């Protein structure tokens, strides 16, 4: 699990999310309501497919308008096998980790590859330093 995920309020614009993705070198943000409860996930692909390709204005399109919901989550105390099961069942590349409805981390396919099969090509790619 990657701790300290990038969380943004559902009222933030997709431009703000894209800026966070760029500055943190990530491909998703977790979207929360005003109480900090997880509402869903917005990926870089969501921004392209659900907003830009439909002609939406990036500065005024809110995350709540393009997020993937409902959020499928896992608790931090659940086993890795449960994460694999949920990701397979829901065709997910990223799985938010939540405790009491609040996001505390995220598990990616790359995280699972590093954990379960460190000699795999995906693990090598996932473990590589990001390009700057």
Protein backbone atom coordinates (compact mmCIF):
# COMPACT_ATOMS: atom_id res chain seq x y z
CA UNK A 1 0.00 0.00 0.00
CA UNK A 2 1.08 3.51 -0.73
CA UNK A 3 0.28 5.66 2.28
CA UNK A 4 -0.62 9.34 2.29
CA UNK A 5 -2.69 9.25 -0.91
CA UNK A 6 -3.51 12.43 -2.76
CA UNK A 7 -7.02 13.35 -1.61
CA UNK A 8 -9.01 16.23 -3.03
CA UNK A 9 -12.49 17.57 -2.31
CA UNK A 10 -15.23 16.76 -4.80
CA UNK A 11 -15.55 20.50 -5.50
CA UNK A 12 -11.98 20.77 -6.88
CA UNK A 13 -11.61 21.22 -10.63
CA UNK A 14 -10.11 18.63 -12.94
CA UNK A 15 -7.39 21.18 -13.69
CA UNK A 16 -6.42 21.19 -10.01
CA UNK A 17 -6.41 17.39 -9.99
CA UNK A 18 -4.25 17.26 -13.11
CA UNK A 19 -1.79 19.68 -11.50
CA UNK A 20 -1.55 17.42 -8.43
CA UNK A 21 -1.05 14.38 -10.63
CA UNK A 22 1.74 16.12 -12.50
CA UNK A 23 3.52 17.46 -9.42
CA UNK A 24 3.29 14.15 -7.53
CA UNK A 25 3.90 11.93 -10.58
CA UNK A 26 0.70 9.95 -9.97
CA UNK A 27 -2.24 8.89 -12.13
CA UNK A 28 -5.14 9.28 -9.73
CA UNK A 29 -6.61 11.27 -6.86
CA UNK A 30 -9.02 10.11 -4.20
CA UNK A 31 -12.11 12.30 -4.04
CA UNK A 32 -13.66 13.13 -0.68
CA UNK A 33 -16.76 14.90 0.54
CA UNK A 34 -16.70 17.83 2.96
CA UNK A 35 -16.34 15.47 5.95
CA UNK A 36 -13.33 13.72 4.41
CA UNK A 37 -15.24 10.56 3.50
CA UNK A 38 -14.15 8.80 0.34
CA UNK A 39 -16.57 9.31 -2.55
CA UNK A 40 -14.58 7.84 -5.41
CA UNK A 41 -11.48 7.97 -7.56
CA UNK A 42 -10.54 10.18 -10.49
CA UNK A 43 -7.81 8.94 -12.79
CA UNK A 44 -5.93 10.67 -15.55
CA UNK A 45 -7.99 8.55 -17.96
CA UNK A 46 -11.24 9.74 -16.35
CA UNK A 47 -10.19 13.33 -16.99
CA UNK A 48 -9.53 12.60 -20.66
CA UNK A 49 -12.54 10.36 -21.37
CA UNK A 50 -15.22 11.86 -19.13
CA UNK A 51 -14.27 15.52 -19.46
CA UNK A 52 -11.89 16.60 -22.21
CA UNK A 53 -13.21 14.23 -24.89
CA UNK A 54 -16.72 15.50 -24.15
CA UNK A 55 -15.70 19.13 -24.53
CA UNK A 56 -16.02 20.03 -20.86
CA UNK A 57 -14.14 23.08 -19.59
CA UNK A 58 -11.28 21.86 -17.33
CA UNK A 59 -11.33 24.84 -15.00
CA UNK A 60 -15.03 24.56 -14.24
CA UNK A 61 -15.55 20.79 -14.36
CA UNK A 62 -15.58 19.44 -10.81
CA UNK A 63 -14.18 16.13 -9.68
CA UNK A 64 -17.66 15.05 -8.53
CA UNK A 65 -18.73 15.26 -12.20
CA UNK A 66 -16.17 12.73 -13.47
CA UNK A 67 -15.34 10.42 -10.57
CA UNK A 68 -15.65 6.65 -10.62
CA UNK A 69 -18.17 5.66 -8.01
CA UNK A 70 -19.06 4.00 -5.81
CA UNK A 71 -15.56 3.55 -4.52
CA UNK A 72 -14.61 -0.07 -3.94
CA UNK A 73 -12.32 -0.05 -0.90
CA UNK A 74 -10.37 -2.31 1.38
CA UNK A 75 -9.51 -1.85 5.05
CA UNK A 76 -5.82 -1.61 6.04
CA UNK A 77 -6.08 -4.79 8.15
CA UNK A 78 -7.35 -6.98 5.29
CA UNK A 79 -4.98 -9.44 3.61
CA UNK A 80 -3.32 -8.86 0.26
CA UNK A 81 -5.35 -11.76 -1.15
CA UNK A 82 -8.52 -9.72 -0.52
CA UNK A 83 -7.06 -6.79 -2.46
CA UNK A 84 -6.28 -9.12 -5.37
CA UNK A 85 -9.81 -10.55 -5.23
CA UNK A 86 -11.46 -7.11 -5.26
CA UNK A 87 -9.24 -5.82 -8.05
CA UNK A 88 -10.04 -8.86 -10.20
CA UNK A 89 -13.75 -8.80 -9.39
CA UNK A 90 -14.14 -5.09 -10.23
CA UNK A 91 -11.42 -4.80 -12.94
CA UNK A 92 -9.50 -2.21 -10.92
CA UNK A 93 -5.94 -1.00 -11.36
CA UNK A 94 -6.07 0.99 -8.12
CA UNK A 95 -7.84 0.14 -4.88
CA UNK A 96 -8.34 2.78 -2.18
CA UNK A 97 -7.61 1.76 1.39
CA UNK A 98 -10.08 3.31 3.81
CA UNK A 99 -10.66 3.20 7.53
CA UNK A 100 -14.00 4.41 8.83
CA UNK A 101 -14.79 5.83 5.40
CA UNK A 102 -11.64 7.98 5.34
CA UNK A 103 -8.88 7.23 2.82
CA UNK A 104 -5.53 6.17 4.33
CA UNK A 105 -3.78 4.70 1.30
CA UNK A 106 -4.07 3.11 -2.10
CA UNK A 107 -3.00 -0.25 -3.52
CA UNK A 108 -2.01 -0.41 -7.19
CA UNK A 109 -1.34 -3.29 -9.54
CA UNK A 110 2.30 -2.32 -9.32
CA UNK A 111 2.24 -2.58 -5.51
CA UNK A 112 0.81 -6.09 -5.81
CA UNK A 113 3.39 -7.09 -8.40
CA UNK A 114 6.25 -5.93 -6.17
CA UNK A 115 4.71 -7.76 -3.19
CA UNK A 116 3.63 -11.00 -4.87
CA UNK A 117 6.08 -11.43 -7.77
CA UNK A 118 9.14 -9.20 -7.35
CA UNK A 119 10.88 -10.81 -10.35
CA UNK A 120 8.08 -9.87 -12.78
CA UNK A 121 8.40 -7.21 -15.45
CA UNK A 122 5.57 -5.22 -13.84
CA UNK A 123 7.39 -5.26 -10.51
CA UNK A 124 10.58 -4.01 -12.20
CA UNK A 125 8.70 -1.19 -13.89
CA UNK A 126 6.76 -0.31 -10.75
CA UNK A 127 9.90 -0.25 -8.62
CA UNK A 128 11.86 1.93 -11.07
CA UNK A 129 12.54 5.57 -10.22
CA UNK A 130 10.13 7.96 -11.97
CA UNK A 131 11.32 9.88 -15.02
CA UNK A 132 11.65 13.57 -14.41
